[in-house]
Amino acid sequence: MSTEPLNTIPIQQFINIVKSADAGRQKEVRLDINTARTLALTLGAVMSRLEGDLEKFVVQNIEKLQDEQTITIAMDSGEWK
């Protein structure tokens, strides 16, 4: 899996567009197809990276997680007093 930095500029640009529209009390935001495509591809890359990182974390820590979930119960033949 690649660990090169992700280009999140299209996401930041979209957030700025939404902030600007909200500040101007606009009712809608419009994106041209190139901007929408770039945003969609960037979001896909970010989500794929996150899923890959989560999968890697789970695989690396599965044994540790299983060991921590082991419960030991000891019973004795206690008496009533």
PDB file of N, CA and C in Angstrom:
ATOM      1  N   MET A   1       0.833  -1.173   0.000  1.00  0.00           N
ATOM      2  CA  MET A   1       0.000   0.000   0.000  1.00  0.00           C
ATOM      3  C   MET A   1       0.880   1.240   0.000  1.00  0.00           C
ATOM      4  N   SER A   2       0.511   2.199  -0.807  1.00  0.00           N
ATOM      5  CA  SER A   2       1.274   3.429  -0.954  1.00  0.00           C
ATOM      6  C   SER A   2       1.114   4.312   0.285  1.00  0.00           C
ATOM      7  N   THR A   3       2.209   4.939   0.674  1.00  0.00           N
ATOM      8  CA  THR A   3       2.143   5.861   1.806  1.00  0.00           C
ATOM      9  C   THR A   3       2.494   7.280   1.375  1.00  0.00           C
ATOM     10  N   GLU A   4       2.425   7.541   0.081  1.00  0.00           N
ATOM     11  CA  GLU A   4       2.713   8.891  -0.378  1.00  0.00           C
ATOM     12  C   GLU A   4       1.594   9.833   0.071  1.00  0.00           C
ATOM     13  N   PRO A   5       1.918  11.105   0.284  1.00  0.00           N
ATOM     14  CA  PRO A   5       0.912  12.053   0.779  1.00  0.00           C
ATOM     15  C   PRO A   5      -0.261  12.185  -0.189  1.00  0.00           C
ATOM     16  N   LEU A   6      -1.450  12.346   0.368  1.00  0.00           N
ATOM     17  CA  LEU A   6      -2.648  12.543  -0.440  1.00  0.00           C
ATOM     18  C   LEU A   6      -2.842  14.029  -0.726  1.00  0.00           C
ATOM     19  N   ASN A   7      -3.317  14.323  -1.916  1.00  0.00           N
ATOM     20  CA  ASN A   7      -3.631  15.702  -2.277  1.00  0.00           C
ATOM     21  C   ASN A   7      -5.062  15.991  -1.828  1.00  0.00           C
ATOM     22  N   THR A   8      -5.209  16.727  -0.752  1.00  0.00           N
ATOM     23  CA  THR A   8      -6.541  17.030  -0.227  1.00  0.00           C
ATOM     24  C   THR A   8      -6.997  18.443  -0.576  1.00  0.00           C
ATOM     25  N   ILE A   9      -6.295  19.095  -1.481  1.00  0.00           N
ATOM     26  CA  ILE A   9      -6.653  20.462  -1.869  1.00  0.00           C
ATOM     27  C   ILE A   9      -8.083  20.550  -2.408  1.00  0.00           C
ATOM     28  N   PRO A  10      -8.552  19.601  -3.250  1.00  0.00           N
ATOM     29  CA  PRO A  10      -9.944  19.703  -3.710  1.00  0.00           C
ATOM     30  C   PRO A  10     -10.971  19.664  -2.569  1.00  0.00           C
ATOM     31  N   ILE A  11     -10.691  18.925  -1.523  1.00  0.00           N
ATOM     32  CA  ILE A  11     -11.595  18.891  -0.372  1.00  0.00           C
ATOM     33  C   ILE A  11     -11.582  20.246   0.334  1.00  0.00           C
ATOM     34  N   GLN A  12     -10.390  20.800   0.517  1.00  0.00           N
ATOM     35  CA  GLN A  12     -10.275  22.105   1.161  1.00  0.00           C
ATOM     36  C   GLN A  12     -10.968  23.186   0.331  1.00  0.00           C
ATOM     37  N   GLN A  13     -10.841  23.110  -0.990  1.00  0.00           N
ATOM     38  CA  GLN A  13     -11.502  24.078  -1.857  1.00  0.00           C
ATOM     39  C   GLN A  13     -13.019  23.962  -1.740  1.00  0.00           C
ATOM     40  N   PHE A  14     -13.528  22.726  -1.687  1.00  0.00           N
ATOM     41  CA  PHE A  14     -14.965  22.528  -1.545  1.00  0.00           C
ATOM     42  C   PHE A  14     -15.465  23.092  -0.218  1.00  0.00           C
ATOM     43  N   ILE A  15     -14.732  22.845   0.855  1.00  0.00           N
ATOM     44  CA  ILE A  15     -15.116  23.382   2.161  1.00  0.00           C
ATOM     45  C   ILE A  15     -15.164  24.900   2.115  1.00  0.00           C
ATOM     46  N   ASN A  16     -14.185  25.515   1.459  1.00  0.00           N
ATOM     47  CA  ASN A  16     -14.167  26.973   1.339  1.00  0.00           C
ATOM     48  C   ASN A  16     -15.345  27.481   0.514  1.00  0.00           C
ATOM     49  N   ILE A  17     -15.718  26.751  -0.535  1.00  0.00           N
ATOM     50  CA  ILE A  17     -16.881  27.128  -1.350  1.00  0.00           C
ATOM     51  C   ILE A  17     -18.148  27.094  -0.500  1.00  0.00           C
ATOM     52  N   VAL A  18     -18.291  26.041   0.304  1.00  0.00           N
ATOM     53  CA  VAL A  18     -19.471  25.905   1.161  1.00  0.00           C
ATOM     54  C   VAL A  18     -19.487  27.002   2.226  1.00  0.00           C
ATOM     55  N   LYS A  19     -18.351  27.293   2.833  1.00  0.00           N
ATOM     56  CA  LYS A  19     -18.287  28.356   3.838  1.00  0.00           C
ATOM     57  C   LYS A  19     -18.674  29.695   3.230  1.00  0.00           C
ATOM     58  N   SER A  20     -18.155  29.956   2.060  1.00  0.00           N
ATOM     59  CA  SER A  20     -18.444  31.209   1.372  1.00  0.00           C
ATOM     60  C   SER A  20     -19.925  31.317   1.024  1.00  0.00           C
ATOM     61  N   ALA A  21     -20.505  30.228   0.532  1.00  0.00           N
ATOM     62  CA  ALA A  21     -21.929  30.219   0.200  1.00  0.00           C
ATOM     63  C   ALA A  21     -22.779  30.405   1.455  1.00  0.00           C
ATOM     64  N   ASP A  22     -22.373  29.778   2.545  1.00  0.00           N
ATOM     65  CA  ASP A  22     -23.106  29.912   3.794  1.00  0.00           C
ATOM     66  C   ASP A  22     -23.037  31.341   4.311  1.00  0.00           C
ATOM     67  N   ALA A  23     -21.857  31.933   4.240  1.00  0.00           N
ATOM     68  CA  ALA A  23     -21.692  33.313   4.695  1.00  0.00           C
ATOM     69  C   ALA A  23     -22.531  34.271   3.849  1.00  0.00           C
ATOM     70  N   GLY A  24     -22.690  33.965   2.563  1.00  0.00           N
ATOM     71  CA  GLY A  24     -23.492  34.792   1.674  1.00  0.00           C
ATOM     72  C   GLY A  24     -24.956  34.408   1.669  1.00  0.00           C
ATOM     73  N   ARG A  25     -25.320  33.474   2.546  1.00  0.00           N
ATOM     74  CA  ARG A  25     -26.703  33.001   2.685  1.00  0.00           C
ATOM     75  C   ARG A  25     -27.276  32.491   1.359  1.00  0.00           C
ATOM     76  N   GLN A  26     -26.408  31.825   0.602  1.00  0.00           N
ATOM     77  CA  GLN A  26     -26.864  31.227  -0.645  1.00  0.00           C
ATOM     78  C   GLN A  26     -27.627  29.949  -0.334  1.00  0.00           C
ATOM     79  N   LYS A  27     -28.554  29.597  -1.215  1.00  0.00           N
ATOM     80  CA  LYS A  27     -29.367  28.409  -1.000  1.00  0.00           C
ATOM     81  C   LYS A  27     -28.777  27.172  -1.656  1.00  0.00           C
ATOM     82  N   GLU A  28     -27.816  27.344  -2.528  1.00  0.00           N
ATOM     83  CA  GLU A  28     -27.225  26.192  -3.199  1.00  0.00           C
ATOM     84  C   GLU A  28     -25.784  26.477  -3.589  1.00  0.00           C
ATOM     85  N   VAL A  29     -25.074  25.388  -3.846  1.00  0.00           N
ATOM     86  CA  VAL A  29     -23.696  25.448  -4.312  1.00  0.00           C
ATOM     87  C   VAL A  29     -23.637  24.655  -5.607  1.00  0.00           C
ATOM     88  N   ARG A  30     -23.029  25.212  -6.613  1.00  0.00           N
ATOM     89  CA  ARG A  30     -22.907  24.519  -7.893  1.00  0.00           C
ATOM     90  C   ARG A  30     -21.439  24.262  -8.190  1.00  0.00           C
ATOM     91  N   LEU A  31     -21.180  23.077  -8.723  1.00  0.00           N
ATOM     92  CA  LEU A  31     -19.820  22.702  -9.113  1.00  0.00           C
ATOM     93  C   LEU A  31     -19.831  22.305 -10.582  1.00  0.00           C
ATOM     94  N   ASP A  32     -18.813  22.750 -11.305  1.00  0.00           N
ATOM     95  CA  ASP A  32     -18.695  22.263 -12.677  1.00  0.00           C
ATOM     96  C   ASP A  32     -18.233  20.807 -12.628  1.00  0.00           C
ATOM     97  N   ILE A  33     -18.402  20.102 -13.734  1.00  0.00           N
ATOM     98  CA  ILE A  33     -18.129  18.662 -13.740  1.00  0.00           C
ATOM     99  C   ILE A  33     -16.675  18.341 -13.423  1.00  0.00           C
ATOM    100  N   ASN A  34     -15.738  19.172 -13.855  1.00  0.00           N
ATOM    101  CA  ASN A  34     -14.318  18.906 -13.568  1.00  0.00           C
ATOM    102  C   ASN A  34     -14.031  19.012 -12.069  1.00  0.00           C
ATOM    103  N   THR A  35     -14.604  20.031 -11.420  1.00  0.00           N
ATOM    104  CA  THR A  35     -14.417  20.198  -9.984  1.00  0.00           C
ATOM    105  C   THR A  35     -15.074  19.046  -9.227  1.00  0.00           C
ATOM    106  N   ALA A  36     -16.282  18.669  -9.646  1.00  0.00           N
ATOM    107  CA  ALA A  36     -16.995  17.563  -8.993  1.00  0.00           C
ATOM    108  C   ALA A  36     -16.233  16.253  -9.173  1.00  0.00           C
ATOM    109  N   ARG A  37     -15.693  16.011 -10.351  1.00  0.00           N
ATOM    110  CA  ARG A  37     -14.933  14.777 -10.615  1.00  0.00           C
ATOM    111  C   ARG A  37     -13.681  14.731  -9.748  1.00  0.00           C
ATOM    112  N   THR A  38     -12.965  15.850  -9.692  1.00  0.00           N
ATOM    113  CA  THR A  38     -11.743  15.910  -8.885  1.00  0.00           C
ATOM    114  C   THR A  38     -12.061  15.696  -7.408  1.00  0.00           C
ATOM    115  N   LEU A  39     -13.144  16.305  -6.937  1.00  0.00           N
ATOM    116  CA  LEU A  39     -13.563  16.124  -5.547  1.00  0.00           C
ATOM    117  C   LEU A  39     -13.927  14.669  -5.279  1.00  0.00           C
ATOM    118  N   ALA A  40     -14.672  14.055  -6.172  1.00  0.00           N
ATOM    119  CA  ALA A  40     -15.071  12.647  -6.002  1.00  0.00           C
ATOM    120  C   ALA A  40     -13.856  11.725  -5.976  1.00  0.00           C
ATOM    121  N   LEU A  41     -12.913  11.939  -6.871  1.00  0.00           N
ATOM    122  CA  LEU A  41     -11.712  11.101  -6.906  1.00  0.00           C
ATOM    123  C   LEU A  41     -10.864  11.293  -5.645  1.00  0.00           C
ATOM    124  N   THR A  42     -10.780  12.533  -5.185  1.00  0.00           N
ATOM    125  CA  THR A  42     -10.018  12.809  -3.964  1.00  0.00           C
ATOM    126  C   THR A  42     -10.672  12.151  -2.758  1.00  0.00           C
ATOM    127  N   LEU A  43     -11.996  12.265  -2.646  1.00  0.00           N
ATOM    128  CA  LEU A  43     -12.701  11.618  -1.539  1.00  0.00           C
ATOM    129  C   LEU A  43     -12.536  10.104  -1.603  1.00  0.00           C
ATOM    130  N   GLY A  44     -12.575   9.532  -2.792  1.00  0.00           N
ATOM    131  CA  GLY A  44     -12.365   8.096  -2.944  1.00  0.00           C
ATOM    132  C   GLY A  44     -10.977   7.679  -2.488  1.00  0.00           C
ATOM    133  N   ALA A  45      -9.967   8.469  -2.856  1.00  0.00           N
ATOM    134  CA  ALA A  45      -8.596   8.150  -2.455  1.00  0.00           C
ATOM    135  C   ALA A  45      -8.428   8.245  -0.941  1.00  0.00           C
ATOM    136  N   VAL A  46      -9.018   9.273  -0.335  1.00  0.00           N
ATOM    137  CA  VAL A  46      -8.919   9.445   1.114  1.00  0.00           C
ATOM    138  C   VAL A  46      -9.612   8.293   1.835  1.00  0.00           C
ATOM    139  N   MET A  47     -10.806   7.937   1.379  1.00  0.00           N
ATOM    140  CA  MET A  47     -11.538   6.845   2.023  1.00  0.00           C
ATOM    141  C   MET A  47     -10.806   5.512   1.841  1.00  0.00           C
ATOM    142  N   SER A  48     -10.234   5.278   0.685  1.00  0.00           N
ATOM    143  CA  SER A  48      -9.473   4.048   0.460  1.00  0.00           C
ATOM    144  C   SER A  48      -8.264   3.971   1.378  1.00  0.00           C
ATOM    145  N   ARG A  49      -7.575   5.087   1.538  1.00  0.00           N
ATOM    146  CA  ARG A  49      -6.412   5.122   2.427  1.00  0.00           C
ATOM    147  C   ARG A  49      -6.830   4.837   3.864  1.00  0.00           C
ATOM    148  N   LEU A  50      -7.928   5.460   4.299  1.00  0.00           N
ATOM    149  CA  LEU A  50      -8.396   5.230   5.661  1.00  0.00           C
ATOM    150  C   LEU A  50      -8.774   3.767   5.884  1.00  0.00           C
ATOM    151  N   GLU A  51      -9.456   3.179   4.913  1.00  0.00           N
ATOM    152  CA  GLU A  51      -9.844   1.772   5.034  1.00  0.00           C
ATOM    153  C   GLU A  51      -8.609   0.884   5.093  1.00  0.00           C
ATOM    154  N   GLY A  52      -7.623   1.170   4.259  1.00  0.00           N
ATOM    155  CA  GLY A  52      -6.385   0.397   4.266  1.00  0.00           C
ATOM    156  C   GLY A  52      -5.637   0.532   5.580  1.00  0.00           C
ATOM    157  N   ASP A  53      -5.580   1.748   6.103  1.00  0.00           N
ATOM    158  CA  ASP A  53      -4.909   1.973   7.385  1.00  0.00           C
ATOM    159  C   ASP A  53      -5.633   1.245   8.510  1.00  0.00           C
ATOM    160  N   LEU A  54      -6.961   1.258   8.488  1.00  0.00           N
ATOM    161  CA  LEU A  54      -7.731   0.552   9.512  1.00  0.00           C
ATOM    162  C   LEU A  54      -7.491  -0.948   9.427  1.00  0.00           C
ATOM    163  N   GLU A  55      -7.498  -1.495   8.215  1.00  0.00           N
ATOM    164  CA  GLU A  55      -7.261  -2.929   8.022  1.00  0.00           C
ATOM    165  C   GLU A  55      -5.866  -3.310   8.533  1.00  0.00           C
ATOM    166  N   LYS A  56      -4.881  -2.493   8.221  1.00  0.00           N
ATOM    167  CA  LYS A  56      -3.515  -2.749   8.678  1.00  0.00           C
ATOM    168  C   LYS A  56      -3.445  -2.710  10.205  1.00  0.00           C
ATOM    169  N   PHE A  57      -4.123  -1.752  10.814  1.00  0.00           N
ATOM    170  CA  PHE A  57      -4.141  -1.639  12.274  1.00  0.00           C
ATOM    171  C   PHE A  57      -4.760  -2.876  12.907  1.00  0.00           C
ATOM    172  N   VAL A  58      -5.880  -3.328  12.352  1.00  0.00           N
ATOM    173  CA  VAL A  58      -6.565  -4.498  12.902  1.00  0.00           C
ATOM    174  C   VAL A  58      -5.679  -5.728  12.790  1.00  0.00           C
ATOM    175  N   VAL A  59      -5.057  -5.938  11.647  1.00  0.00           N
ATOM    176  CA  VAL A  59      -4.198  -7.108  11.450  1.00  0.00           C
ATOM    177  C   VAL A  59      -3.014  -7.072  12.415  1.00  0.00           C
ATOM    178  N   GLN A  60      -2.402  -5.917  12.601  1.00  0.00           N
ATOM    179  CA  GLN A  60      -1.241  -5.802  13.477  1.00  0.00           C
ATOM    180  C   GLN A  60      -1.599  -5.971  14.949  1.00  0.00           C
ATOM    181  N   ASN A  61      -2.830  -5.654  15.318  1.00  0.00           N
ATOM    182  CA  ASN A  61      -3.202  -5.652  16.731  1.00  0.00           C
ATOM    183  C   ASN A  61      -4.197  -6.737  17.111  1.00  0.00           C
ATOM    184  N   ILE A  62      -4.536  -7.637  16.211  1.00  0.00           N
ATOM    185  CA  ILE A  62      -5.562  -8.645  16.482  1.00  0.00           C
ATOM    186  C   ILE A  62      -5.159  -9.558  17.647  1.00  0.00           C
ATOM    187  N   GLU A  63      -3.913  -9.998  17.694  1.00  0.00           N
ATOM    188  CA  GLU A  63      -3.486 -10.874  18.781  1.00  0.00           C
ATOM    189  C   GLU A  63      -3.529 -10.147  20.117  1.00  0.00           C
ATOM    190  N   LYS A  64      -3.086  -8.918  20.128  1.00  0.00           N
ATOM    191  CA  LYS A  64      -3.112  -8.132  21.355  1.00  0.00           C
ATOM    192  C   LYS A  64      -4.551  -7.933  21.817  1.00  0.00           C
ATOM    193  N   LEU A  65      -5.446  -7.645  20.886  1.00  0.00           N
ATOM    194  CA  LEU A  65      -6.847  -7.450  21.243  1.00  0.00           C
ATOM    195  C   LEU A  65      -7.468  -8.735  21.770  1.00  0.00           C
ATOM    196  N   GLN A  66      -7.120  -9.866  21.173  1.00  0.00           N
ATOM    197  CA  GLN A  66      -7.662 -11.137  21.639  1.00  0.00           C
ATOM    198  C   GLN A  66      -7.139 -11.482  23.025  1.00  0.00           C
ATOM    199  N   ASP A  67      -5.852 -11.235  23.297  1.00  0.00           N
ATOM    200  CA  ASP A  67      -5.279 -11.511  24.613  1.00  0.00           C
ATOM    201  C   ASP A  67      -5.934 -10.659  25.688  1.00  0.00           C
ATOM    202  N   GLU A  68      -6.236  -9.420  25.372  1.00  0.00           N
ATOM    203  CA  GLU A  68      -6.834  -8.524  26.358  1.00  0.00           C
ATOM    204  C   GLU A  68      -8.274  -8.913  26.663  1.00  0.00           C
ATOM    205  N   GLN A  69      -8.901  -9.676  25.803  1.00  0.00           N
ATOM    206  CA  GLN A  69     -10.292 -10.052  26.013  1.00  0.00           C
ATOM    207  C   GLN A  69     -10.437 -11.412  26.684  1.00  0.00           C
ATOM    208  N   THR A  70      -9.328 -12.019  27.091  1.00  0.00           N
ATOM    209  CA  THR A  70      -9.383 -13.307  27.769  1.00  0.00           C
ATOM    210  C   THR A  70      -9.866 -13.100  29.202  1.00  0.00           C
ATOM    211  N   ILE A  71     -10.869 -13.863  29.591  1.00  0.00           N
ATOM    212  CA  ILE A  71     -11.419 -13.767  30.937  1.00  0.00           C
ATOM    213  C   ILE A  71     -11.146 -15.083  31.654  1.00  0.00           C
ATOM    214  N   THR A  72     -10.594 -15.006  32.849  1.00  0.00           N
ATOM    215  CA  THR A  72     -10.323 -16.187  33.648  1.00  0.00           C
ATOM    216  C   THR A  72     -11.223 -16.156  34.869  1.00  0.00           C
ATOM    217  N   ILE A  73     -11.900 -17.271  35.099  1.00  0.00           N
ATOM    218  CA  ILE A  73     -12.787 -17.373  36.256  1.00  0.00           C
ATOM    219  C   ILE A  73     -12.284 -18.498  37.154  1.00  0.00           C
ATOM    220  N   ALA A  74     -12.099 -18.192  38.413  1.00  0.00           N
ATOM    221  CA  ALA A  74     -11.676 -19.199  39.386  1.00  0.00           C
ATOM    222  C   ALA A  74     -12.813 -19.402  40.380  1.00  0.00           C
ATOM    223  N   MET A  75     -13.187 -20.646  40.591  1.00  0.00           N
ATOM    224  CA  MET A  75     -14.274 -20.951  41.512  1.00  0.00           C
ATOM    225  C   MET A  75     -13.732 -21.833  42.645  1.00  0.00           C
ATOM    226  N   ASP A  76     -14.147 -21.520  43.832  1.00  0.00           N
ATOM    227  CA  ASP A  76     -13.790 -22.400  44.954  1.00  0.00           C
ATOM    228  C   ASP A  76     -15.094 -22.941  45.558  1.00  0.00           C
ATOM    229  N   SER A  77     -14.972 -23.795  46.508  1.00  0.00           N
ATOM    230  CA  SER A  77     -16.160 -24.386  47.113  1.00  0.00           C
ATOM    231  C   SER A  77     -16.519 -23.619  48.382  1.00  0.00           C
ATOM    232  N   GLY A  78     -16.811 -22.357  48.205  1.00  0.00           N
ATOM    233  CA  GLY A  78     -17.106 -21.492  49.349  1.00  0.00           C
ATOM    234  C   GLY A  78     -18.187 -22.090  50.255  1.00  0.00           C
ATOM    235  N   GLU A  79     -18.140 -21.686  51.517  1.00  0.00           N
ATOM    236  CA  GLU A  79     -19.082 -22.205  52.512  1.00  0.00           C
ATOM    237  C   GLU A  79     -20.040 -21.119  52.934  1.00  0.00           C
ATOM    238  N   TRP A  80     -21.259 -21.577  53.367  1.00  0.00           N
ATOM    239  CA  TRP A  80     -22.243 -20.657  53.940  1.00  0.00           C
ATOM    240  C   TRP A  80     -21.937 -20.479  55.424  1.00  0.00           C
ATOM    241  N   LYS A  81     -22.023 -19.308  55.876  1.00  0.00           N
ATOM    242  CA  LYS A  81     -21.807 -19.074  57.308  1.00  0.00           C
ATOM    243  C   LYS A  81     -23.046 -18.501  57.941  1.00  0.00           C
TER     244      LYS A  81
END
